[in-house]
Amino acid sequence: MDLSLDRPGNYLYVRRVGPRSITVVDREFTTSFLLSPDRAVENWPVAASSELDAGHIEAILALKPELVIVGTGQRQVFPAAAFMAGLLRKGIGVEVMDNGAAARTYDLLAAESRRVVAAFILPA
């Protein structure tokens, strides 16, 4: 029997999610970051979902998403309504999940060539 590693094609994908880090392709991130199929934005200045507000939206919008997935750590914790409303008013869907679920959902949508952005929050 012949075994081969099937790697996704032309997009950044999440390989592993741990309690304090996330590995994208072969790079481990230990601070919060934004991820789109073609770009990762390091050192996103958010350490908890309670910190999210309308001011954090601009960095996300720069990646031109049609859908935003917010990974809030090991547990799902909803951010302030102002943050969610800021995206919805722009016609951008937003979902909030724990980091494991966010990674799986992001990988699935990126594989379908969707314009998805994952905002992963990692503890400082």
N, C-alpha and C. Protein backbone atom coordinates (compact mmCIF):
# COMPACT_ATOMS: atom_id res chain seq x y z
N MET A 1 0.85 -1.17 0.00
CA MET A 1 0.00 0.00 0.00
C MET A 1 0.89 1.24 0.00
N ASP A 2 0.53 2.20 -0.82
CA ASP A 2 1.29 3.43 -0.96
C ASP A 2 0.56 4.55 -0.22
N LEU A 3 1.24 5.22 0.73
CA LEU A 3 0.65 6.33 1.47
C LEU A 3 1.29 7.64 1.01
N SER A 4 0.46 8.66 0.89
CA SER A 4 1.01 9.97 0.54
C SER A 4 0.27 11.04 1.32
N LEU A 5 0.96 12.10 1.59
CA LEU A 5 0.38 13.23 2.29
C LEU A 5 -0.33 14.12 1.29
N ASP A 6 -1.63 14.31 1.52
CA ASP A 6 -2.41 15.16 0.63
C ASP A 6 -2.51 16.54 1.26
N ARG A 7 -1.77 17.48 0.74
CA ARG A 7 -1.79 18.84 1.25
C ARG A 7 -2.70 19.70 0.39
N PRO A 8 -3.41 20.62 1.06
CA PRO A 8 -4.23 21.54 0.28
C PRO A 8 -3.38 22.34 -0.69
N GLY A 9 -4.02 22.88 -1.68
CA GLY A 9 -3.33 23.60 -2.74
C GLY A 9 -2.87 24.98 -2.41
N ASN A 10 -3.46 25.95 -3.00
CA ASN A 10 -2.96 27.31 -3.01
C ASN A 10 -3.58 28.20 -1.94
N TYR A 11 -3.66 27.75 -0.73
CA TYR A 11 -4.17 28.60 0.34
C TYR A 11 -3.52 28.22 1.66
N LEU A 12 -3.53 29.15 2.59
CA LEU A 12 -3.01 28.90 3.93
C LEU A 12 -4.05 28.11 4.71
N TYR A 13 -3.62 27.06 5.38
CA TYR A 13 -4.55 26.21 6.12
C TYR A 13 -4.02 25.96 7.53
N VAL A 14 -4.95 25.67 8.43
CA VAL A 14 -4.59 25.38 9.81
C VAL A 14 -4.28 23.89 9.92
N ARG A 15 -3.10 23.60 10.42
CA ARG A 15 -2.66 22.22 10.58
C ARG A 15 -2.95 21.69 11.97
N ARG A 16 -2.77 22.55 12.99
CA ARG A 16 -2.92 22.09 14.37
C ARG A 16 -3.39 23.23 15.26
N VAL A 17 -4.25 22.89 16.23
CA VAL A 17 -4.72 23.85 17.22
C VAL A 17 -4.40 23.31 18.60
N GLY A 18 -3.68 24.11 19.37
CA GLY A 18 -3.37 23.75 20.76
C GLY A 18 -3.97 24.78 21.69
N PRO A 19 -3.84 24.59 22.99
CA PRO A 19 -4.42 25.54 23.94
C PRO A 19 -3.77 26.92 23.90
N ARG A 20 -2.49 27.01 23.51
CA ARG A 20 -1.79 28.30 23.50
C ARG A 20 -1.14 28.63 22.16
N SER A 21 -1.41 27.81 21.14
CA SER A 21 -0.81 28.07 19.83
C SER A 21 -1.65 27.45 18.72
N ILE A 22 -1.43 27.96 17.51
CA ILE A 22 -2.07 27.44 16.30
C ILE A 22 -1.00 27.35 15.23
N THR A 23 -0.95 26.21 14.54
CA THR A 23 0.02 26.03 13.46
C THR A 23 -0.68 26.20 12.13
N VAL A 24 -0.18 27.14 11.33
CA VAL A 24 -0.68 27.39 9.97
C VAL A 24 0.40 26.89 9.02
N VAL A 25 0.05 25.93 8.19
CA VAL A 25 0.97 25.21 7.32
C VAL A 25 2.09 24.67 8.22
N ASP A 26 3.28 25.27 8.22
CA ASP A 26 4.38 24.80 9.07
C ASP A 26 4.82 25.86 10.09
N ARG A 27 4.03 26.91 10.27
CA ARG A 27 4.40 28.02 11.16
C ARG A 27 3.51 28.05 12.37
N GLU A 28 4.11 28.08 13.55
CA GLU A 28 3.35 28.12 14.80
C GLU A 28 3.15 29.56 15.25
N PHE A 29 1.91 29.93 15.53
CA PHE A 29 1.56 31.25 16.05
C PHE A 29 1.24 31.12 17.53
N THR A 30 1.78 32.03 18.35
CA THR A 30 1.53 32.00 19.79
C THR A 30 0.85 33.28 20.28
N THR A 31 0.59 34.20 19.36
CA THR A 31 -0.17 35.40 19.68
C THR A 31 -1.34 35.50 18.70
N SER A 32 -2.34 36.25 19.08
CA SER A 32 -3.54 36.38 18.24
C SER A 32 -3.17 36.86 16.84
N PHE A 33 -3.93 36.37 15.84
CA PHE A 33 -3.63 36.71 14.45
C PHE A 33 -4.86 36.58 13.59
N LEU A 34 -4.79 37.17 12.40
CA LEU A 34 -5.84 37.07 11.39
C LEU A 34 -5.33 36.18 10.27
N LEU A 35 -6.23 35.39 9.71
CA LEU A 35 -5.83 34.46 8.65
C LEU A 35 -6.84 34.49 7.52
N SER A 36 -6.34 34.73 6.31
CA SER A 36 -7.15 34.61 5.10
C SER A 36 -6.48 33.55 4.24
N PRO A 37 -7.13 33.10 3.19
CA PRO A 37 -6.52 32.05 2.37
C PRO A 37 -5.16 32.43 1.77
N ASP A 38 -4.89 33.73 1.63
CA ASP A 38 -3.63 34.12 1.01
C ASP A 38 -2.71 34.94 1.91
N ARG A 39 -3.10 35.15 3.16
CA ARG A 39 -2.29 36.03 4.01
C ARG A 39 -2.57 35.81 5.50
N ALA A 40 -1.52 35.88 6.31
CA ALA A 40 -1.66 35.88 7.76
C ALA A 40 -1.17 37.22 8.28
N VAL A 41 -1.93 37.81 9.19
CA VAL A 41 -1.55 39.08 9.81
C VAL A 41 -1.21 38.77 11.26
N GLU A 42 0.06 38.89 11.58
CA GLU A 42 0.55 38.54 12.91
C GLU A 42 0.27 39.63 13.93
N ASN A 43 0.36 39.22 15.20
CA ASN A 43 0.29 40.13 16.34
C ASN A 43 -0.96 41.02 16.32
N TRP A 44 -2.10 40.43 16.05
CA TRP A 44 -3.37 41.15 16.13
C TRP A 44 -3.55 41.51 17.60
N PRO A 45 -3.73 42.77 17.95
CA PRO A 45 -3.68 43.20 19.36
C PRO A 45 -4.95 42.90 20.16
N VAL A 46 -5.30 41.61 20.27
CA VAL A 46 -6.47 41.19 21.04
C VAL A 46 -6.06 39.97 21.86
N ALA A 47 -6.30 40.01 23.17
CA ALA A 47 -5.94 38.88 24.02
C ALA A 47 -7.17 38.16 24.58
N ALA A 48 -8.36 38.75 24.40
CA ALA A 48 -9.61 38.14 24.88
C ALA A 48 -10.77 38.69 24.06
N SER A 49 -11.82 37.90 23.92
CA SER A 49 -12.97 38.36 23.13
C SER A 49 -13.63 39.58 23.75
N SER A 50 -13.50 39.76 25.06
CA SER A 50 -14.09 40.92 25.72
C SER A 50 -13.43 42.23 25.27
N GLU A 51 -12.24 42.16 24.70
CA GLU A 51 -11.53 43.35 24.20
C GLU A 51 -12.02 43.80 22.83
N LEU A 52 -12.69 42.93 22.10
CA LEU A 52 -13.10 43.27 20.73
C LEU A 52 -14.13 44.39 20.73
N ASP A 53 -13.88 45.37 19.87
CA ASP A 53 -14.82 46.45 19.68
C ASP A 53 -14.77 46.89 18.22
N ALA A 54 -15.50 47.92 17.89
CA ALA A 54 -15.59 48.38 16.50
C ALA A 54 -14.22 48.78 15.94
N GLY A 55 -13.28 49.16 16.79
CA GLY A 55 -11.96 49.56 16.34
C GLY A 55 -11.13 48.41 15.76
N HIS A 56 -11.47 47.19 16.08
CA HIS A 56 -10.73 46.04 15.57
C HIS A 56 -11.21 45.59 14.18
N ILE A 57 -12.26 46.20 13.70
CA ILE A 57 -12.86 45.77 12.44
C ILE A 57 -12.01 46.16 11.23
N GLU A 58 -11.34 47.29 11.27
CA GLU A 58 -10.59 47.77 10.10
C GLU A 58 -9.53 46.78 9.63
N ALA A 59 -8.79 46.18 10.56
CA ALA A 59 -7.76 45.20 10.18
C ALA A 59 -8.39 44.00 9.49
N ILE A 60 -9.57 43.61 9.94
CA ILE A 60 -10.28 42.49 9.32
C ILE A 60 -10.77 42.88 7.93
N LEU A 61 -11.36 44.05 7.82
CA LEU A 61 -11.89 44.51 6.52
C LEU A 61 -10.79 44.66 5.47
N ALA A 62 -9.57 44.94 5.89
CA ALA A 62 -8.46 45.08 4.93
C ALA A 62 -8.21 43.77 4.18
N LEU A 63 -8.66 42.65 4.73
CA LEU A 63 -8.49 41.35 4.07
C LEU A 63 -9.66 41.01 3.15
N LYS A 64 -10.64 41.90 3.05
CA LYS A 64 -11.78 41.78 2.13
C LYS A 64 -12.57 40.46 2.30
N PRO A 65 -13.08 40.21 3.50
CA PRO A 65 -13.82 38.96 3.72
C PRO A 65 -15.28 39.05 3.27
N GLU A 66 -15.85 37.89 2.99
CA GLU A 66 -17.30 37.78 2.84
C GLU A 66 -17.88 37.17 4.11
N LEU A 67 -17.01 36.50 4.87
CA LEU A 67 -17.40 35.87 6.14
C LEU A 67 -16.22 35.93 7.09
N VAL A 68 -16.49 36.25 8.35
CA VAL A 68 -15.46 36.28 9.39
C VAL A 68 -15.79 35.23 10.44
N ILE A 69 -14.80 34.44 10.78
CA ILE A 69 -14.93 33.45 11.84
C ILE A 69 -14.03 33.92 12.98
N VAL A 70 -14.60 34.09 14.15
CA VAL A 70 -13.83 34.53 15.30
C VAL A 70 -13.60 33.33 16.21
N GLY A 71 -12.34 32.95 16.37
CA GLY A 71 -11.96 31.89 17.28
C GLY A 71 -11.58 32.51 18.61
N THR A 72 -12.33 32.19 19.67
CA THR A 72 -12.18 32.90 20.94
C THR A 72 -11.39 32.12 21.99
N GLY A 73 -10.55 31.20 21.56
CA GLY A 73 -9.75 30.43 22.52
C GLY A 73 -10.32 29.04 22.71
N GLN A 74 -10.14 28.50 23.90
CA GLN A 74 -10.59 27.13 24.16
C GLN A 74 -12.10 27.04 24.35
N ARG A 75 -12.75 28.17 24.61
CA ARG A 75 -14.20 28.19 24.79
C ARG A 75 -14.81 29.27 23.89
N GLN A 76 -16.03 29.06 23.51
CA GLN A 76 -16.77 30.06 22.73
C GLN A 76 -17.22 31.17 23.67
N VAL A 77 -16.80 32.41 23.39
CA VAL A 77 -17.17 33.57 24.19
C VAL A 77 -17.55 34.68 23.22
N PHE A 78 -18.79 35.12 23.28
CA PHE A 78 -19.24 36.13 22.32
C PHE A 78 -18.67 37.51 22.64
N PRO A 79 -18.20 38.23 21.61
CA PRO A 79 -17.70 39.60 21.81
C PRO A 79 -18.86 40.58 21.95
N ALA A 80 -18.50 41.83 22.20
CA ALA A 80 -19.50 42.90 22.35
C ALA A 80 -20.35 43.04 21.10
N ALA A 81 -21.57 43.45 21.29
CA ALA A 81 -22.51 43.62 20.18
C ALA A 81 -22.00 44.64 19.16
N ALA A 82 -21.26 45.65 19.61
CA ALA A 82 -20.74 46.67 18.69
C ALA A 82 -19.79 46.06 17.67
N PHE A 83 -19.00 45.11 18.08
CA PHE A 83 -18.08 44.44 17.16
C PHE A 83 -18.86 43.65 16.12
N MET A 84 -19.80 42.84 16.57
CA MET A 84 -20.60 42.02 15.66
C MET A 84 -21.41 42.91 14.71
N ALA A 85 -22.04 43.94 15.23
CA ALA A 85 -22.87 44.83 14.42
C ALA A 85 -22.03 45.57 13.38
N GLY A 86 -20.80 45.92 13.73
CA GLY A 86 -19.93 46.62 12.78
C GLY A 86 -19.67 45.80 11.53
N LEU A 87 -19.52 44.51 11.68
CA LEU A 87 -19.33 43.62 10.51
C LEU A 87 -20.64 43.40 9.77
N LEU A 88 -21.70 43.15 10.52
CA LEU A 88 -23.00 42.88 9.88
C LEU A 88 -23.49 44.09 9.08
N ARG A 89 -23.25 45.29 9.58
CA ARG A 89 -23.66 46.50 8.84
C ARG A 89 -22.94 46.62 7.50
N LYS A 90 -21.77 46.04 7.39
CA LYS A 90 -21.00 46.06 6.14
C LYS A 90 -21.39 44.90 5.23
N GLY A 91 -22.37 44.10 5.65
CA GLY A 91 -22.82 42.96 4.84
C GLY A 91 -21.90 41.75 4.95
N ILE A 92 -21.12 41.68 6.02
CA ILE A 92 -20.18 40.58 6.21
C ILE A 92 -20.71 39.68 7.31
N GLY A 93 -20.86 38.40 7.00
CA GLY A 93 -21.31 37.44 7.99
C GLY A 93 -20.25 37.23 9.05
N VAL A 94 -20.67 36.92 10.26
CA VAL A 94 -19.72 36.67 11.35
C VAL A 94 -20.21 35.52 12.21
N GLU A 95 -19.30 34.61 12.53
CA GLU A 95 -19.59 33.46 13.39
C GLU A 95 -18.54 33.43 14.49
N VAL A 96 -18.94 33.06 15.69
CA VAL A 96 -18.04 32.98 16.84
C VAL A 96 -17.98 31.53 17.31
N MET A 97 -16.75 31.01 17.48
CA MET A 97 -16.54 29.61 17.86
C MET A 97 -15.29 29.50 18.72
N ASP A 98 -15.11 28.33 19.33
CA ASP A 98 -13.82 28.08 19.97
C ASP A 98 -12.77 27.90 18.87
N ASN A 99 -11.50 27.97 19.20
CA ASN A 99 -10.45 27.93 18.16
C ASN A 99 -10.45 26.64 17.34
N GLY A 100 -10.72 25.51 17.96
CA GLY A 100 -10.74 24.25 17.21
C GLY A 100 -11.82 24.25 16.14
N ALA A 101 -13.03 24.63 16.52
CA ALA A 101 -14.14 24.69 15.56
C ALA A 101 -13.88 25.75 14.50
N ALA A 102 -13.32 26.88 14.91
CA ALA A 102 -13.01 27.96 13.95
C ALA A 102 -12.00 27.49 12.92
N ALA A 103 -10.99 26.74 13.36
CA ALA A 103 -9.97 26.24 12.43
C ALA A 103 -10.56 25.26 11.43
N ARG A 104 -11.39 24.35 11.91
CA ARG A 104 -12.01 23.37 11.00
C ARG A 104 -12.92 24.06 9.99
N THR A 105 -13.71 25.02 10.46
CA THR A 105 -14.62 25.73 9.57
C THR A 105 -13.85 26.57 8.56
N TYR A 106 -12.82 27.27 9.03
CA TYR A 106 -11.99 28.06 8.13
C TYR A 106 -11.39 27.18 7.04
N ASP A 107 -10.77 26.05 7.42
CA ASP A 107 -10.15 25.16 6.43
C ASP A 107 -11.16 24.68 5.39
N LEU A 108 -12.34 24.34 5.83
CA LEU A 108 -13.38 23.87 4.90
C LEU A 108 -13.77 24.97 3.92
N LEU A 109 -14.00 26.18 4.42
CA LEU A 109 -14.42 27.28 3.54
C LEU A 109 -13.28 27.73 2.63
N ALA A 110 -12.06 27.76 3.14
CA ALA A 110 -10.91 28.15 2.30
C ALA A 110 -10.72 27.13 1.18
N ALA A 111 -10.94 25.85 1.47
CA ALA A 111 -10.81 24.81 0.45
C ALA A 111 -11.86 24.98 -0.65
N GLU A 112 -12.98 25.60 -0.31
CA GLU A 112 -14.04 25.88 -1.30
C GLU A 112 -13.82 27.20 -2.02
N SER A 113 -12.65 27.82 -1.82
CA SER A 113 -12.30 29.11 -2.43
C SER A 113 -13.21 30.24 -1.98
N ARG A 114 -13.71 30.16 -0.76
CA ARG A 114 -14.53 31.24 -0.20
C ARG A 114 -13.62 32.32 0.35
N ARG A 115 -14.08 33.53 0.38
CA ARG A 115 -13.32 34.67 0.90
C ARG A 115 -13.57 34.75 2.40
N VAL A 116 -12.94 33.88 3.15
CA VAL A 116 -13.13 33.79 4.60
C VAL A 116 -11.91 34.35 5.32
N VAL A 117 -12.15 34.97 6.47
CA VAL A 117 -11.08 35.44 7.34
C VAL A 117 -11.36 34.86 8.72
N ALA A 118 -10.33 34.24 9.31
CA ALA A 118 -10.42 33.75 10.67
C ALA A 118 -9.63 34.69 11.57
N ALA A 119 -10.25 35.11 12.65
CA ALA A 119 -9.60 35.95 13.64
C ALA A 119 -9.39 35.08 14.88
N PHE A 120 -8.17 34.62 15.08
CA PHE A 120 -7.87 33.70 16.19
C PHE A 120 -7.34 34.48 17.38
N ILE A 121 -7.98 34.28 18.53
CA ILE A 121 -7.54 34.90 19.76
C ILE A 121 -6.78 33.86 20.58
N LEU A 122 -5.53 34.19 20.89
CA LEU A 122 -4.69 33.32 21.71
C LEU A 122 -4.32 34.07 22.99
N PRO A 123 -4.28 33.36 24.12
CA PRO A 123 -3.96 34.04 25.38
C PRO A 123 -2.55 34.60 25.37
N ALA A 124 -2.41 35.75 26.01
CA ALA A 124 -1.09 36.41 26.06
C ALA A 124 -0.16 35.71 27.03
